[in-house]
PDB file of N, CA and C in Angstrom:
ATOM      1  N   UNK A   1       0.837  -1.165   0.000  1.00  0.00           N
ATOM      2  CA  UNK A   1       0.000   0.000   0.000  1.00  0.00           C
ATOM      3  C   UNK A   1       0.892   1.242   0.000  1.00  0.00           C
ATOM      4  N   UNK A   2       0.417   2.288  -0.677  1.00  0.00           N
ATOM      5  CA  UNK A   2       1.187   3.516  -0.779  1.00  0.00           C
ATOM      6  C   UNK A   2       0.251   4.704  -0.607  1.00  0.00           C
ATOM      7  N   UNK A   3       0.688   5.722   0.123  1.00  0.00           N
ATOM      8  CA  UNK A   3      -0.113   6.920   0.309  1.00  0.00           C
ATOM      9  C   UNK A   3      -0.221   7.662  -1.012  1.00  0.00           C
ATOM     10  N   UNK A   4      -1.454   8.026  -1.403  1.00  0.00           N
ATOM     11  CA  UNK A   4      -1.667   8.754  -2.649  1.00  0.00           C
ATOM     12  C   UNK A   4      -1.566  10.261  -2.443  1.00  0.00           C
ATOM     13  N   UNK A   5      -2.283  10.775  -1.461  1.00  0.00           N
ATOM     14  CA  UNK A   5      -2.247  12.214  -1.195  1.00  0.00           C
ATOM     15  C   UNK A   5      -2.805  12.510   0.191  1.00  0.00           C
ATOM     16  N   UNK A   6      -2.629  13.748   0.621  1.00  0.00           N
ATOM     17  CA  UNK A   6      -3.194  14.253   1.863  1.00  0.00           C
ATOM     18  C   UNK A   6      -4.137  15.383   1.485  1.00  0.00           C
ATOM     19  N   UNK A   7      -5.315  15.436   2.109  1.00  0.00           N
ATOM     20  CA  UNK A   7      -6.259  16.525   1.876  1.00  0.00           C
ATOM     21  C   UNK A   7      -6.340  17.413   3.104  1.00  0.00           C
ATOM     22  N   UNK A   8      -6.239  18.721   2.896  1.00  0.00           N
ATOM     23  CA  UNK A   8      -6.340  19.672   4.001  1.00  0.00           C
ATOM     24  C   UNK A   8      -7.274  20.812   3.607  1.00  0.00           C
ATOM     25  N   UNK A   9      -7.698  21.578   4.597  1.00  0.00           N
ATOM     26  CA  UNK A   9      -8.566  22.732   4.374  1.00  0.00           C
ATOM     27  C   UNK A   9      -7.739  23.994   4.548  1.00  0.00           C
ATOM     28  N   UNK A  10      -7.951  24.960   3.667  1.00  0.00           N
ATOM     29  CA  UNK A  10      -7.330  26.264   3.807  1.00  0.00           C
ATOM     30  C   UNK A  10      -8.394  27.329   3.608  1.00  0.00           C
ATOM     31  N   UNK A  11      -8.366  28.375   4.423  1.00  0.00           N
ATOM     32  CA  UNK A  11      -9.392  29.419   4.387  1.00  0.00           C
ATOM     33  C   UNK A  11      -9.338  30.257   3.121  1.00  0.00           C
ATOM     34  N   UNK A  12      -8.158  30.416   2.540  1.00  0.00           N
ATOM     35  CA  UNK A  12      -7.978  31.362   1.444  1.00  0.00           C
ATOM     36  C   UNK A  12      -7.030  30.792   0.395  1.00  0.00           C
ATOM     37  N   UNK A  13      -7.410  30.941  -0.860  1.00  0.00           N
ATOM     38  CA  UNK A  13      -6.545  30.488  -1.948  1.00  0.00           C
ATOM     39  C   UNK A  13      -5.231  31.267  -1.940  1.00  0.00           C
ATOM     40  N   UNK A  14      -5.310  32.557  -1.695  1.00  0.00           N
ATOM     41  CA  UNK A  14      -4.110  33.392  -1.663  1.00  0.00           C
ATOM     42  C   UNK A  14      -3.138  32.919  -0.578  1.00  0.00           C
ATOM     43  N   UNK A  15      -3.665  32.620   0.601  1.00  0.00           N
ATOM     44  CA  UNK A  15      -2.811  32.138   1.689  1.00  0.00           C
ATOM     45  C   UNK A  15      -2.249  30.756   1.384  1.00  0.00           C
ATOM     46  N   UNK A  16      -3.052  29.906   0.741  1.00  0.00           N
ATOM     47  CA  UNK A  16      -2.585  28.566   0.377  1.00  0.00           C
ATOM     48  C   UNK A  16      -1.427  28.656  -0.610  1.00  0.00           C
ATOM     49  N   UNK A  17      -1.557  29.515  -1.610  1.00  0.00           N
ATOM     50  CA  UNK A  17      -0.493  29.691  -2.597  1.00  0.00           C
ATOM     51  C   UNK A  17       0.758  30.241  -1.919  1.00  0.00           C
ATOM     52  N   UNK A  18       0.590  31.235  -1.056  1.00  0.00           N
ATOM     53  CA  UNK A  18       1.743  31.831  -0.364  1.00  0.00           C
ATOM     54  C   UNK A  18       2.486  30.783   0.462  1.00  0.00           C
ATOM     55  N   UNK A  19       1.748  29.931   1.180  1.00  0.00           N
ATOM     56  CA  UNK A  19       2.396  28.965   2.065  1.00  0.00           C
ATOM     57  C   UNK A  19       2.950  27.768   1.300  1.00  0.00           C
ATOM     58  N   UNK A  20       2.116  27.098   0.510  1.00  0.00           N
ATOM     59  CA  UNK A  20       2.537  25.833  -0.100  1.00  0.00           C
ATOM     60  C   UNK A  20       3.404  26.028  -1.339  1.00  0.00           C
ATOM     61  N   UNK A  21       3.123  27.036  -2.148  1.00  0.00           N
ATOM     62  CA  UNK A  21       3.932  27.263  -3.347  1.00  0.00           C
ATOM     63  C   UNK A  21       5.127  28.166  -3.036  1.00  0.00           C
ATOM     64  N   UNK A  22       4.852  29.370  -2.551  1.00  0.00           N
ATOM     65  CA  UNK A  22       5.925  30.344  -2.374  1.00  0.00           C
ATOM     66  C   UNK A  22       6.877  29.967  -1.236  1.00  0.00           C
ATOM     67  N   UNK A  23       6.339  29.495  -0.117  1.00  0.00           N
ATOM     68  CA  UNK A  23       7.177  29.176   1.047  1.00  0.00           C
ATOM     69  C   UNK A  23       7.777  27.773   0.958  1.00  0.00           C
ATOM     70  N   UNK A  24       6.945  26.737   0.817  1.00  0.00           N
ATOM     71  CA  UNK A  24       7.452  25.359   0.827  1.00  0.00           C
ATOM     72  C   UNK A  24       7.944  24.868  -0.533  1.00  0.00           C
ATOM     73  N   UNK A  25       7.625  25.574  -1.616  1.00  0.00           N
ATOM     74  CA  UNK A  25       8.144  25.197  -2.923  1.00  0.00           C
ATOM     75  C   UNK A  25       7.348  24.146  -3.671  1.00  0.00           C
ATOM     76  N   UNK A  26       6.113  23.877  -3.252  1.00  0.00           N
ATOM     77  CA  UNK A  26       5.256  22.956  -3.994  1.00  0.00           C
ATOM     78  C   UNK A  26       4.816  23.628  -5.290  1.00  0.00           C
ATOM     79  N   UNK A  27       4.530  22.816  -6.298  1.00  0.00           N
ATOM     80  CA  UNK A  27       4.009  23.330  -7.564  1.00  0.00           C
ATOM     81  C   UNK A  27       2.518  23.019  -7.641  1.00  0.00           C
ATOM     82  N   UNK A  28       1.742  23.989  -8.089  1.00  0.00           N
ATOM     83  CA  UNK A  28       0.314  23.750  -8.303  1.00  0.00           C
ATOM     84  C   UNK A  28       0.193  22.977  -9.607  1.00  0.00           C
ATOM     85  N   UNK A  29      -0.265  21.730  -9.519  1.00  0.00           N
ATOM     86  CA  UNK A  29      -0.356  20.887 -10.708  1.00  0.00           C
ATOM     87  C   UNK A  29      -1.774  20.814 -11.266  1.00  0.00           C
ATOM     88  N   UNK A  30      -2.764  21.132 -10.424  1.00  0.00           N
ATOM     89  CA  UNK A  30      -4.159  21.132 -10.894  1.00  0.00           C
ATOM     90  C   UNK A  30      -4.975  22.080 -10.037  1.00  0.00           C
ATOM     91  N   UNK A  31      -6.002  22.636 -10.647  1.00  0.00           N
ATOM     92  CA  UNK A  31      -7.029  23.376  -9.928  1.00  0.00           C
ATOM     93  C   UNK A  31      -8.354  22.738 -10.307  1.00  0.00           C
ATOM     94  N   UNK A  32      -9.124  22.346  -9.313  1.00  0.00           N
ATOM     95  CA  UNK A  32     -10.367  21.601  -9.536  1.00  0.00           C
ATOM     96  C   UNK A  32     -11.504  22.330  -8.830  1.00  0.00           C
ATOM     97  N   UNK A  33     -12.664  22.332  -9.443  1.00  0.00           N
ATOM     98  CA  UNK A  33     -13.883  22.736  -8.750  1.00  0.00           C
ATOM     99  C   UNK A  33     -14.686  21.455  -8.548  1.00  0.00           C
ATOM    100  N   UNK A  34     -14.797  21.013  -7.290  1.00  0.00           N
ATOM    101  CA  UNK A  34     -15.599  19.822  -7.010  1.00  0.00           C
ATOM    102  C   UNK A  34     -17.063  20.189  -7.136  1.00  0.00           C
ATOM    103  N   UNK A  35     -17.813  19.482  -7.973  1.00  0.00           N
ATOM    104  CA  UNK A  35     -19.226  19.816  -8.152  1.00  0.00           C
ATOM    105  C   UNK A  35     -20.047  19.496  -6.904  1.00  0.00           C
ATOM    106  N   UNK A  36     -21.150  20.194  -6.780  1.00  0.00           N
ATOM    107  CA  UNK A  36     -22.054  20.043  -5.642  1.00  0.00           C
ATOM    108  C   UNK A  36     -22.405  18.581  -5.386  1.00  0.00           C
ATOM    109  N   UNK A  37     -22.728  17.855  -6.449  1.00  0.00           N
ATOM    110  CA  UNK A  37     -23.116  16.449  -6.297  1.00  0.00           C
ATOM    111  C   UNK A  37     -22.016  15.645  -5.586  1.00  0.00           C
ATOM    112  N   UNK A  38     -20.785  15.861  -5.989  1.00  0.00           N
ATOM    113  CA  UNK A  38     -19.665  15.119  -5.409  1.00  0.00           C
ATOM    114  C   UNK A  38     -19.370  15.564  -3.972  1.00  0.00           C
ATOM    115  N   UNK A  39     -19.418  16.871  -3.709  1.00  0.00           N
ATOM    116  CA  UNK A  39     -19.149  17.329  -2.341  1.00  0.00           C
ATOM    117  C   UNK A  39     -20.219  16.830  -1.375  1.00  0.00           C
ATOM    118  N   UNK A  40     -21.460  16.735  -1.849  1.00  0.00           N
ATOM    119  CA  UNK A  40     -22.524  16.187  -0.994  1.00  0.00           C
ATOM    120  C   UNK A  40     -22.286  14.707  -0.717  1.00  0.00           C
ATOM    121  N   UNK A  41     -21.950  13.945  -1.765  1.00  0.00           N
ATOM    122  CA  UNK A  41     -21.755  12.500  -1.613  1.00  0.00           C
ATOM    123  C   UNK A  41     -20.547  12.172  -0.732  1.00  0.00           C
ATOM    124  N   UNK A  42     -19.449  12.875  -0.928  1.00  0.00           N
ATOM    125  CA  UNK A  42     -18.207  12.527  -0.239  1.00  0.00           C
ATOM    126  C   UNK A  42     -18.035  13.206   1.114  1.00  0.00           C
ATOM    127  N   UNK A  43     -18.487  14.462   1.219  1.00  0.00           N
ATOM    128  CA  UNK A  43     -18.176  15.254   2.417  1.00  0.00           C
ATOM    129  C   UNK A  43     -19.402  15.824   3.128  1.00  0.00           C
ATOM    130  N   UNK A  44     -20.600  15.530   2.623  1.00  0.00           N
ATOM    131  CA  UNK A  44     -21.849  16.067   3.193  1.00  0.00           C
ATOM    132  C   UNK A  44     -21.833  17.593   3.246  1.00  0.00           C
ATOM    133  N   UNK A  45     -21.314  18.205   2.194  1.00  0.00           N
ATOM    134  CA  UNK A  45     -21.257  19.665   2.073  1.00  0.00           C
ATOM    135  C   UNK A  45     -22.074  20.068   0.856  1.00  0.00           C
ATOM    136  N   UNK A  46     -22.946  21.042   1.023  1.00  0.00           N
ATOM    137  CA  UNK A  46     -23.867  21.432  -0.051  1.00  0.00           C
ATOM    138  C   UNK A  46     -23.376  22.659  -0.808  1.00  0.00           C
ATOM    139  N   UNK A  47     -22.167  22.588  -1.323  1.00  0.00           N
ATOM    140  CA  UNK A  47     -21.662  23.656  -2.192  1.00  0.00           C
ATOM    141  C   UNK A  47     -20.445  23.153  -2.960  1.00  0.00           C
ATOM    142  N   UNK A  48     -20.181  23.808  -4.095  1.00  0.00           N
ATOM    143  CA  UNK A  48     -18.974  23.497  -4.844  1.00  0.00           C
ATOM    144  C   UNK A  48     -17.763  23.965  -4.039  1.00  0.00           C
ATOM    145  N   UNK A  49     -16.664  23.237  -4.173  1.00  0.00           N
ATOM    146  CA  UNK A  49     -15.447  23.604  -3.442  1.00  0.00           C
ATOM    147  C   UNK A  49     -14.265  23.588  -4.408  1.00  0.00           C
ATOM    148  N   UNK A  50     -13.475  24.647  -4.352  1.00  0.00           N
ATOM    149  CA  UNK A  50     -12.255  24.702  -5.151  1.00  0.00           C
ATOM    150  C   UNK A  50     -11.160  23.918  -4.437  1.00  0.00           C
ATOM    151  N   UNK A  51     -10.379  23.176  -5.223  1.00  0.00           N
ATOM    152  CA  UNK A  51      -9.268  22.389  -4.682  1.00  0.00           C
ATOM    153  C   UNK A  51      -8.015  22.698  -5.503  1.00  0.00           C
ATOM    154  N   UNK A  52      -6.937  23.030  -4.813  1.00  0.00           N
ATOM    155  CA  UNK A  52      -5.632  23.164  -5.451  1.00  0.00           C
ATOM    156  C   UNK A  52      -4.851  21.890  -5.166  1.00  0.00           C
ATOM    157  N   UNK A  53      -4.319  21.270  -6.198  1.00  0.00           N
ATOM    158  CA  UNK A  53      -3.453  20.106  -6.011  1.00  0.00           C
ATOM    159  C   UNK A  53      -2.019  20.615  -6.135  1.00  0.00           C
ATOM    160  N   UNK A  54      -1.252  20.416  -5.060  1.00  0.00           N
ATOM    161  CA  UNK A  54       0.142  20.860  -5.056  1.00  0.00           C
ATOM    162  C   UNK A  54       1.033  19.641  -4.874  1.00  0.00           C
ATOM    163  N   UNK A  55       2.186  19.657  -5.551  1.00  0.00           N
ATOM    164  CA  UNK A  55       3.082  18.504  -5.495  1.00  0.00           C
ATOM    165  C   UNK A  55       4.536  18.957  -5.415  1.00  0.00           C
ATOM    166  N   UNK A  56       5.333  18.130  -4.726  1.00  0.00           N
ATOM    167  CA  UNK A  56       6.767  18.371  -4.627  1.00  0.00           C
ATOM    168  C   UNK A  56       7.441  17.084  -4.167  1.00  0.00           C
ATOM    169  N   UNK A  57       8.403  16.626  -4.925  1.00  0.00           N
ATOM    170  CA  UNK A  57       9.225  15.468  -4.568  1.00  0.00           C
ATOM    171  C   UNK A  57       8.397  14.264  -4.132  1.00  0.00           C
ATOM    172  N   UNK A  58       7.358  13.944  -4.898  1.00  0.00           N
ATOM    173  CA  UNK A  58       6.544  12.766  -4.614  1.00  0.00           C
ATOM    174  C   UNK A  58       5.459  12.966  -3.579  1.00  0.00           C
ATOM    175  N   UNK A  59       5.348  14.157  -3.016  1.00  0.00           N
ATOM    176  CA  UNK A  59       4.290  14.457  -2.046  1.00  0.00           C
ATOM    177  C   UNK A  59       3.178  15.201  -2.771  1.00  0.00           C
ATOM    178  N   UNK A  60       1.940  14.724  -2.596  1.00  0.00           N
ATOM    179  CA  UNK A  60       0.793  15.393  -3.212  1.00  0.00           C
ATOM    180  C   UNK A  60      -0.190  15.797  -2.119  1.00  0.00           C
ATOM    181  N   UNK A  61      -0.602  17.073  -2.154  1.00  0.00           N
ATOM    182  CA  UNK A  61      -1.555  17.607  -1.188  1.00  0.00           C
ATOM    183  C   UNK A  61      -2.724  18.213  -1.949  1.00  0.00           C
ATOM    184  N   UNK A  62      -3.941  17.850  -1.544  1.00  0.00           N
ATOM    185  CA  UNK A  62      -5.141  18.499  -2.070  1.00  0.00           C
ATOM    186  C   UNK A  62      -5.552  19.563  -1.058  1.00  0.00           C
ATOM    187  N   UNK A  63      -5.488  20.819  -1.459  1.00  0.00           N
ATOM    188  CA  UNK A  63      -5.822  21.936  -0.576  1.00  0.00           C
ATOM    189  C   UNK A  63      -7.241  22.390  -0.911  1.00  0.00           C
ATOM    190  N   UNK A  64      -8.183  22.089  -0.010  1.00  0.00           N
ATOM    191  CA  UNK A  64      -9.580  22.465  -0.183  1.00  0.00           C
ATOM    192  C   UNK A  64      -9.752  23.899   0.308  1.00  0.00           C
ATOM    193  N   UNK A  65     -10.214  24.783  -0.557  1.00  0.00           N
ATOM    194  CA  UNK A  65     -10.408  26.181  -0.185  1.00  0.00           C
ATOM    195  C   UNK A  65     -11.813  26.315   0.400  1.00  0.00           C
ATOM    196  N   UNK A  66     -11.876  26.494   1.716  1.00  0.00           N
ATOM    197  CA  UNK A  66     -13.160  26.529   2.418  1.00  0.00           C
ATOM    198  C   UNK A  66     -12.990  27.241   3.752  1.00  0.00           C
ATOM    199  N   UNK A  67     -14.053  27.873   4.215  1.00  0.00           N
ATOM    200  CA  UNK A  67     -13.992  28.536   5.517  1.00  0.00           C
ATOM    201  C   UNK A  67     -14.307  27.588   6.670  1.00  0.00           C
ATOM    202  N   UNK A  68     -14.603  26.314   6.373  1.00  0.00           N
ATOM    203  CA  UNK A  68     -14.854  25.335   7.433  1.00  0.00           C
ATOM    204  C   UNK A  68     -13.559  25.061   8.188  1.00  0.00           C
ATOM    205  N   UNK A  69     -13.634  25.011   9.496  1.00  0.00           N
ATOM    206  CA  UNK A  69     -12.478  24.658  10.318  1.00  0.00           C
ATOM    207  C   UNK A  69     -12.902  23.626  11.352  1.00  0.00           C
ATOM    208  N   UNK A  70     -12.115  22.561  11.512  1.00  0.00           N
ATOM    209  CA  UNK A  70     -12.436  21.566  12.535  1.00  0.00           C
ATOM    210  C   UNK A  70     -12.351  22.186  13.928  1.00  0.00           C
ATOM    211  N   UNK A  71     -13.043  21.570  14.861  1.00  0.00           N
ATOM    212  CA  UNK A  71     -13.007  22.066  16.233  1.00  0.00           C
ATOM    213  C   UNK A  71     -11.663  21.758  16.878  1.00  0.00           C
ATOM    214  N   UNK A  72     -11.327  22.557  17.866  1.00  0.00           N
ATOM    215  CA  UNK A  72     -10.097  22.330  18.633  1.00  0.00           C
ATOM    216  C   UNK A  72     -10.389  21.431  19.810  1.00  0.00           C
ATOM    217  N   UNK A  73      -9.497  20.595  20.259  1.00  0.00           N
ATOM    218  CA  UNK A  73      -8.167  20.452  19.676  1.00  0.00           C
ATOM    219  C   UNK A  73      -8.224  19.653  18.381  1.00  0.00           C
ATOM    220  N   UNK A  74      -7.363  19.996  17.464  1.00  0.00           N
ATOM    221  CA  UNK A  74      -7.276  19.297  16.191  1.00  0.00           C
ATOM    222  C   UNK A  74      -5.885  18.665  16.107  1.00  0.00           C
ATOM    223  N   UNK A  75      -5.846  17.344  16.101  1.00  0.00           N
ATOM    224  CA  UNK A  75      -4.568  16.627  16.076  1.00  0.00           C
ATOM    225  C   UNK A  75      -4.126  16.287  14.654  1.00  0.00           C
ATOM    226  N   UNK A  76      -4.918  16.682  13.665  1.00  0.00           N
ATOM    227  CA  UNK A  76      -4.592  16.384  12.281  1.00  0.00           C
ATOM    228  C   UNK A  76      -3.319  17.127  11.881  1.00  0.00           C
ATOM    229  N   UNK A  77      -2.388  16.397  11.286  1.00  0.00           N
ATOM    230  CA  UNK A  77      -1.159  16.998  10.795  1.00  0.00           C
ATOM    231  C   UNK A  77      -0.502  16.035   9.816  1.00  0.00           C
ATOM    232  N   UNK A  78       0.473  16.525   9.087  1.00  0.00           N
ATOM    233  CA  UNK A  78       1.318  15.646   8.293  1.00  0.00           C
ATOM    234  C   UNK A  78       2.749  16.119   8.456  1.00  0.00           C
ATOM    235  N   UNK A  79       3.687  15.240   8.167  1.00  0.00           N
ATOM    236  CA  UNK A  79       5.096  15.541   8.422  1.00  0.00           C
ATOM    237  C   UNK A  79       5.896  15.508   7.128  1.00  0.00           C
ATOM    238  N   UNK A  80       6.863  16.401   7.042  1.00  0.00           N
ATOM    239  CA  UNK A  80       7.794  16.413   5.916  1.00  0.00           C
ATOM    240  C   UNK A  80       9.213  16.381   6.481  1.00  0.00           C
ATOM    241  N   UNK A  81      10.133  15.892   5.684  1.00  0.00           N
ATOM    242  CA  UNK A  81      11.545  15.924   6.066  1.00  0.00           C
ATOM    243  C   UNK A  81      12.224  16.971   5.197  1.00  0.00           C
ATOM    244  N   UNK A  82      13.096  17.755   5.799  1.00  0.00           N
ATOM    245  CA  UNK A  82      13.814  18.792   5.065  1.00  0.00           C
ATOM    246  C   UNK A  82      15.312  18.610   5.269  1.00  0.00           C
ATOM    247  N   UNK A  83      16.081  19.136   4.323  1.00  0.00           N
ATOM    248  CA  UNK A  83      17.537  19.034   4.422  1.00  0.00           C
ATOM    249  C   UNK A  83      18.094  19.918   5.531  1.00  0.00           C
ATOM    250  N   UNK A  84      17.517  21.106   5.687  1.00  0.00           N
ATOM    251  CA  UNK A  84      18.050  22.042   6.679  1.00  0.00           C
ATOM    252  C   UNK A  84      16.915  22.667   7.478  1.00  0.00           C
ATOM    253  N   UNK A  85      16.785  22.246   8.709  1.00  0.00           N
ATOM    254  CA  UNK A  85      15.769  22.810   9.593  1.00  0.00           C
ATOM    255  C   UNK A  85      16.047  24.288   9.858  1.00  0.00           C
ATOM    256  N   UNK A  86      17.306  24.653   9.979  1.00  0.00           N
ATOM    257  CA  UNK A  86      17.670  26.055  10.225  1.00  0.00           C
ATOM    258  C   UNK A  86      17.221  26.946   9.067  1.00  0.00           C
ATOM    259  N   UNK A  87      17.460  26.504   7.826  1.00  0.00           N
ATOM    260  CA  UNK A  87      17.037  27.285   6.659  1.00  0.00           C
ATOM    261  C   UNK A  87      15.527  27.422   6.612  1.00  0.00           C
ATOM    262  N   UNK A  88      14.815  26.330   6.885  1.00  0.00           N
ATOM    263  CA  UNK A  88      13.357  26.375   6.857  1.00  0.00           C
ATOM    264  C   UNK A  88      12.820  27.306   7.938  1.00  0.00           C
ATOM    265  N   UNK A  89      13.416  27.275   9.111  1.00  0.00           N
ATOM    266  CA  UNK A  89      12.985  28.148  10.207  1.00  0.00           C
ATOM    267  C   UNK A  89      13.220  29.617   9.856  1.00  0.00           C
ATOM    268  N   UNK A  90      14.372  29.929   9.279  1.00  0.00           N
ATOM    269  CA  UNK A  90      14.652  31.304   8.850  1.00  0.00           C
ATOM    270  C   UNK A  90      13.658  31.760   7.789  1.00  0.00           C
ATOM    271  N   UNK A  91      13.371  30.877   6.844  1.00  0.00           N
ATOM    272  CA  UNK A  91      12.417  31.210   5.785  1.00  0.00           C
ATOM    273  C   UNK A  91      11.022  31.400   6.373  1.00  0.00           C
ATOM    274  N   UNK A  92      10.655  30.586   7.351  1.00  0.00           N
ATOM    275  CA  UNK A  92       9.344  30.711   8.001  1.00  0.00           C
ATOM    276  C   UNK A  92       9.188  32.095   8.615  1.00  0.00           C
ATOM    277  N   UNK A  93      10.233  32.593   9.228  1.00  0.00           N
ATOM    278  CA  UNK A  93      10.185  33.931   9.829  1.00  0.00           C
ATOM    279  C   UNK A  93       9.944  34.984   8.753  1.00  0.00           C
ATOM    280  N   UNK A  94      10.622  34.865   7.613  1.00  0.00           N
ATOM    281  CA  UNK A  94      10.432  35.831   6.515  1.00  0.00           C
ATOM    282  C   UNK A  94       9.017  35.791   5.961  1.00  0.00           C
ATOM    283  N   UNK A  95       8.368  34.613   5.993  1.00  0.00           N
ATOM    284  CA  UNK A  95       7.021  34.453   5.448  1.00  0.00           C
ATOM    285  C   UNK A  95       5.931  34.630   6.505  1.00  0.00           C
ATOM    286  N   UNK A  96       6.313  34.977   7.720  1.00  0.00           N
ATOM    287  CA  UNK A  96       5.359  35.099   8.834  1.00  0.00           C
ATOM    288  C   UNK A  96       4.615  33.799   9.106  1.00  0.00           C
ATOM    289  N   UNK A  97       5.273  32.676   8.877  1.00  0.00           N
ATOM    290  CA  UNK A  97       4.694  31.368   9.202  1.00  0.00           C
ATOM    291  C   UNK A  97       5.121  31.007  10.620  1.00  0.00           C
ATOM    292  N   UNK A  98       4.191  30.482  11.383  1.00  0.00           N
ATOM    293  CA  UNK A  98       4.473  30.167  12.780  1.00  0.00           C
ATOM    294  C   UNK A  98       5.256  28.860  12.904  1.00  0.00           C
ATOM    295  N   UNK A  99       6.307  28.886  13.704  1.00  0.00           N
ATOM    296  CA  UNK A  99       7.083  27.692  14.028  1.00  0.00           C
ATOM    297  C   UNK A  99       6.781  27.340  15.482  1.00  0.00           C
ATOM    298  N   UNK A 100       6.394  26.087  15.720  1.00  0.00           N
ATOM    299  CA  UNK A 100       6.086  25.616  17.067  1.00  0.00           C
ATOM    300  C   UNK A 100       7.142  24.580  17.441  1.00  0.00           C
ATOM    301  N   UNK A 101       7.726  24.738  18.609  1.00  0.00           N
ATOM    302  CA  UNK A 101       8.768  23.818  19.064  1.00  0.00           C
ATOM    303  C   UNK A 101       8.300  23.138  20.339  1.00  0.00           C
ATOM    304  N   UNK A 102       8.322  21.804  20.320  1.00  0.00           N
ATOM    305  CA  UNK A 102       7.974  21.024  21.503  1.00  0.00           C
ATOM    306  C   UNK A 102       9.185  20.230  21.962  1.00  0.00           C
ATOM    307  N   UNK A 103       9.427  20.221  23.265  1.00  0.00           N
ATOM    308  CA  UNK A 103      10.585  19.499  23.805  1.00  0.00           C
ATOM    309  C   UNK A 103      10.132  18.606  24.947  1.00  0.00           C
ATOM    310  N   UNK A 104      10.675  17.389  24.964  1.00  0.00           N
ATOM    311  CA  UNK A 104      10.432  16.453  26.061  1.00  0.00           C
ATOM    312  C   UNK A 104      11.669  15.584  26.209  1.00  0.00           C
ATOM    313  N   UNK A 105      12.297  15.676  27.360  1.00  0.00           N
ATOM    314  CA  UNK A 105      13.554  14.963  27.632  1.00  0.00           C
ATOM    315  C   UNK A 105      14.569  15.324  26.560  1.00  0.00           C
ATOM    316  N   UNK A 106      15.062  14.348  25.790  1.00  0.00           N
ATOM    317  CA  UNK A 106      16.076  14.639  24.778  1.00  0.00           C
ATOM    318  C   UNK A 106      15.490  14.765  23.372  1.00  0.00           C
ATOM    319  N   UNK A 107      14.167  14.853  23.255  1.00  0.00           N
ATOM    320  CA  UNK A 107      13.517  14.916  21.943  1.00  0.00           C
ATOM    321  C   UNK A 107      12.964  16.318  21.696  1.00  0.00           C
ATOM    322  N   UNK A 108      13.215  16.835  20.495  1.00  0.00           N
ATOM    323  CA  UNK A 108      12.662  18.121  20.076  1.00  0.00           C
ATOM    324  C   UNK A 108      11.843  17.894  18.813  1.00  0.00           C
ATOM    325  N   UNK A 109      10.630  18.431  18.798  1.00  0.00           N
ATOM    326  CA  UNK A 109       9.721  18.286  17.663  1.00  0.00           C
ATOM    327  C   UNK A 109       9.380  19.682  17.144  1.00  0.00           C
ATOM    328  N   UNK A 110       9.406  19.840  15.827  1.00  0.00           N
ATOM    329  CA  UNK A 110       9.097  21.122  15.200  1.00  0.00           C
ATOM    330  C   UNK A 110       7.838  20.981  14.354  1.00  0.00           C
ATOM    331  N   UNK A 111       6.954  21.949  14.465  1.00  0.00           N
ATOM    332  CA  UNK A 111       5.790  22.044  13.600  1.00  0.00           C
ATOM    333  C   UNK A 111       5.800  23.410  12.931  1.00  0.00           C
ATOM    334  N   UNK A 112       5.282  23.454  11.718  1.00  0.00           N
ATOM    335  CA  UNK A 112       4.934  24.710  11.063  1.00  0.00           C
ATOM    336  C   UNK A 112       3.428  24.816  11.100  1.00  0.00           C
ATOM    337  N   UNK A 113       2.932  26.021  11.200  1.00  0.00           N
ATOM    338  CA  UNK A 113       1.496  26.242  11.114  1.00  0.00           C
ATOM    339  C   UNK A 113       1.256  27.067   9.861  1.00  0.00           C
ATOM    340  N   UNK A 114       0.425  26.561   8.942  1.00  0.00           N
ATOM    341  CA  UNK A 114       0.130  27.361   7.759  1.00  0.00           C
ATOM    342  C   UNK A 114      -0.830  28.480   8.149  1.00  0.00           C
ATOM    343  N   UNK A 115      -1.249  29.278   7.185  1.00  0.00           N
ATOM    344  CA  UNK A 115      -2.046  30.464   7.493  1.00  0.00           C
ATOM    345  C   UNK A 115      -3.499  30.138   7.812  1.00  0.00           C
ATOM    346  N   UNK A 116      -3.855  28.847   7.767  1.00  0.00           N
ATOM    347  CA  UNK A 116      -5.183  28.395   8.191  1.00  0.00           C
ATOM    348  C   UNK A 116      -5.079  27.495   9.413  1.00  0.00           C
ATOM    349  N   UNK A 117      -3.945  27.523  10.076  1.00  0.00           N
ATOM    350  CA  UNK A 117      -3.687  26.782  11.315  1.00  0.00           C
ATOM    351  C   UNK A 117      -3.531  25.280  11.137  1.00  0.00           C
ATOM    352  N   UNK A 118      -3.263  24.797   9.909  1.00  0.00           N
ATOM    353  CA  UNK A 118      -2.922  23.390   9.709  1.00  0.00           C
ATOM    354  C   UNK A 118      -1.507  23.160  10.215  1.00  0.00           C
ATOM    355  N   UNK A 119      -1.286  22.008  10.843  1.00  0.00           N
ATOM    356  CA  UNK A 119       0.039  21.675  11.370  1.00  0.00           C
ATOM    357  C   UNK A 119       0.811  20.804  10.389  1.00  0.00           C
ATOM    358  N   UNK A 120       2.045  21.203  10.136  1.00  0.00           N
ATOM    359  CA  UNK A 120       2.932  20.466   9.251  1.00  0.00           C
ATOM    360  C   UNK A 120       4.223  20.214   9.997  1.00  0.00           C
TER     361      UNK A 120
END
């Protein structure tokens, strides 16, 4: 079995492009408008939804542009590996992306928060 893609929600197309394309370097490979019939069948949502498909180095993310936000706490996240954590952290500061650092004993965990509060 192999992971095909991850689907996330983003409040704004502009913010999604800024974070996933401009900041993380993903390429927008498709833009889709999911028809009402399909959004009702799959997600119980009664409206068309725009989806940006972004890809980079074998990772595919479907970014659903919607004002819906899951309730807190939200443990949904996905993880990426980068060559230089220091470079990514510096770039995050330039892009006003939030970096969250968690420490426990000898382990340090880093999260990025996109502009719709998704954890990466």
